[in-house]
Amino acid sequence: MKRYDLRHLHEDFYGRMVELIDSDLKDGEVGIFLFEIGDFSPIQKSADVIKEQGHELMNSLKFNEVDWTIVVKKKAK
């Protein structure tokens, strides 16, 4: 399990998240991604991006007032 803080990317974290899943996680490994929620649209979009990439969104929860955490399991391609 690896943790990634993408808050510094603000609403532009999707590409980096996919890159980290593809290059830094092994098949079956879990990654925890922390990002800023802003207007809440990144929550649904992050779930959609994970699904489009063929991975499993295991959990999605509010971390604090401005941050969100998703837990993703990398699936073999």
C-alpha atoms as a PDB file:
ATOM      1  CA  MET A   1       0.000   0.000   0.000  1.00  0.00           C
ATOM      2  CA  LYS A   2       1.295   3.412  -0.968  1.00  0.00           C
ATOM      3  CA  ARG A   3       0.040   6.894  -0.164  1.00  0.00           C
ATOM      4  CA  TYR A   4       0.177   9.840  -2.562  1.00  0.00           C
ATOM      5  CA  ASP A   5      -0.485  13.470  -1.691  1.00  0.00           C
ATOM      6  CA  LEU A   6      -1.791  15.233  -4.810  1.00  0.00           C
ATOM      7  CA  ARG A   7      -3.194  18.295  -3.020  1.00  0.00           C
ATOM      8  CA  HIS A   8      -0.516  20.544  -4.526  1.00  0.00           C
ATOM      9  CA  LEU A   9      -1.976  19.838  -7.989  1.00  0.00           C
ATOM     10  CA  HIS A  10      -5.395  21.243  -6.960  1.00  0.00           C
ATOM     11  CA  GLU A  11      -8.022  20.249  -9.600  1.00  0.00           C
ATOM     12  CA  ASP A  12      -5.389  19.082 -12.088  1.00  0.00           C
ATOM     13  CA  PHE A  13      -4.437  15.787 -10.425  1.00  0.00           C
ATOM     14  CA  TYR A  14      -6.138  13.182 -12.639  1.00  0.00           C
ATOM     15  CA  GLY A  15      -3.273  12.614 -15.074  1.00  0.00           C
ATOM     16  CA  ARG A  16      -0.722  12.323 -12.291  1.00  0.00           C
ATOM     17  CA  MET A  17      -2.975   9.911 -10.388  1.00  0.00           C
ATOM     18  CA  VAL A  18      -3.278   7.621 -13.438  1.00  0.00           C
ATOM     19  CA  GLU A  19       0.469   7.874 -14.050  1.00  0.00           C
ATOM     20  CA  LEU A  20       1.220   6.825 -10.465  1.00  0.00           C
ATOM     21  CA  ILE A  21      -1.200   3.894 -10.621  1.00  0.00           C
ATOM     22  CA  ASP A  22       0.318   2.683 -13.888  1.00  0.00           C
ATOM     23  CA  SER A  23       3.980   3.184 -12.995  1.00  0.00           C
ATOM     24  CA  ASP A  24       4.283   2.961  -9.224  1.00  0.00           C
ATOM     25  CA  LEU A  25       1.724   0.364  -8.123  1.00  0.00           C
ATOM     26  CA  LYS A  26       2.031  -3.361  -8.752  1.00  0.00           C
ATOM     27  CA  ASP A  27      -0.969  -5.352  -9.982  1.00  0.00           C
ATOM     28  CA  GLY A  28      -3.270  -5.926  -7.019  1.00  0.00           C
ATOM     29  CA  GLU A  29      -1.573  -3.246  -4.920  1.00  0.00           C
ATOM     30  CA  VAL A  30      -3.577  -0.502  -3.223  1.00  0.00           C
ATOM     31  CA  GLY A  31      -2.860   3.224  -3.463  1.00  0.00           C
ATOM     32  CA  ILE A  32      -4.287   5.974  -1.291  1.00  0.00           C
ATOM     33  CA  PHE A  33      -4.669   9.328  -3.046  1.00  0.00           C
ATOM     34  CA  LEU A  34      -5.259  12.601  -1.232  1.00  0.00           C
ATOM     35  CA  PHE A  35      -6.581  15.593  -3.205  1.00  0.00           C
ATOM     36  CA  GLU A  36      -8.476  18.879  -2.715  1.00  0.00           C
ATOM     37  CA  ILE A  37     -12.213  18.703  -3.324  1.00  0.00           C
ATOM     38  CA  GLY A  38     -13.033  22.321  -4.165  1.00  0.00           C
ATOM     39  CA  ASP A  39     -16.593  22.239  -5.555  1.00  0.00           C
ATOM     40  CA  PHE A  40     -16.966  18.442  -5.090  1.00  0.00           C
ATOM     41  CA  SER A  41     -16.843  17.736  -8.854  1.00  0.00           C
ATOM     42  CA  PRO A  42     -13.386  16.084  -8.518  1.00  0.00           C
ATOM     43  CA  ILE A  43     -14.966  13.339  -6.395  1.00  0.00           C
ATOM     44  CA  GLN A  44     -17.173  11.947  -9.170  1.00  0.00           C
ATOM     45  CA  LYS A  45     -14.597  12.655 -11.858  1.00  0.00           C
ATOM     46  CA  SER A  46     -11.889  10.756  -9.937  1.00  0.00           C
ATOM     47  CA  ALA A  47     -14.232   7.769  -9.605  1.00  0.00           C
ATOM     48  CA  ASP A  48     -14.979   7.938 -13.343  1.00  0.00           C
ATOM     49  CA  VAL A  49     -11.267   8.135 -14.219  1.00  0.00           C
ATOM     50  CA  ILE A  50     -10.477   5.098 -12.049  1.00  0.00           C
ATOM     51  CA  LYS A  51     -13.292   3.095 -13.667  1.00  0.00           C
ATOM     52  CA  GLU A  52     -12.235   4.133 -17.197  1.00  0.00           C
ATOM     53  CA  GLN A  53      -8.699   2.933 -16.464  1.00  0.00           C
ATOM     54  CA  GLY A  54     -10.043  -0.465 -15.360  1.00  0.00           C
ATOM     55  CA  HIS A  55      -9.049  -0.214 -11.707  1.00  0.00           C
ATOM     56  CA  GLU A  56     -11.170  -0.683  -8.577  1.00  0.00           C
ATOM     57  CA  LEU A  57     -12.249   2.230  -6.384  1.00  0.00           C
ATOM     58  CA  MET A  58     -12.320   0.648  -2.951  1.00  0.00           C
ATOM     59  CA  ASN A  59     -13.182   3.679  -0.817  1.00  0.00           C
ATOM     60  CA  SER A  60     -13.831   7.384  -1.091  1.00  0.00           C
ATOM     61  CA  LEU A  61     -14.089   9.610   1.970  1.00  0.00           C
ATOM     62  CA  LYS A  62     -13.757  13.127   3.239  1.00  0.00           C
ATOM     63  CA  PHE A  63     -10.391  13.607   4.960  1.00  0.00           C
ATOM     64  CA  ASN A  64     -11.048  17.061   6.418  1.00  0.00           C
ATOM     65  CA  GLU A  65     -12.852  20.263   5.383  1.00  0.00           C
ATOM     66  CA  VAL A  66     -11.012  20.657   2.049  1.00  0.00           C
ATOM     67  CA  ASP A  67      -9.390  17.315   1.277  1.00  0.00           C
ATOM     68  CA  TRP A  68     -10.678  13.979  -0.003  1.00  0.00           C
ATOM     69  CA  THR A  69      -9.111  10.527   0.033  1.00  0.00           C
ATOM     70  CA  ILE A  70      -9.711   7.692  -2.406  1.00  0.00           C
ATOM     71  CA  VAL A  71      -8.394   4.160  -2.116  1.00  0.00           C
ATOM     72  CA  VAL A  72      -7.673   2.431  -5.424  1.00  0.00           C
ATOM     73  CA  LYS A  73      -6.707  -1.148  -6.181  1.00  0.00           C
ATOM     74  CA  LYS A  74      -4.669  -1.573  -9.372  1.00  0.00           C
ATOM     75  CA  LYS A  75      -6.062  -4.223 -11.683  1.00  0.00           C
ATOM     76  CA  ALA A  76      -3.891  -6.098 -14.182  1.00  0.00           C
ATOM     77  CA  LYS A  77      -4.316  -4.856 -17.739  1.00  0.00           C
END
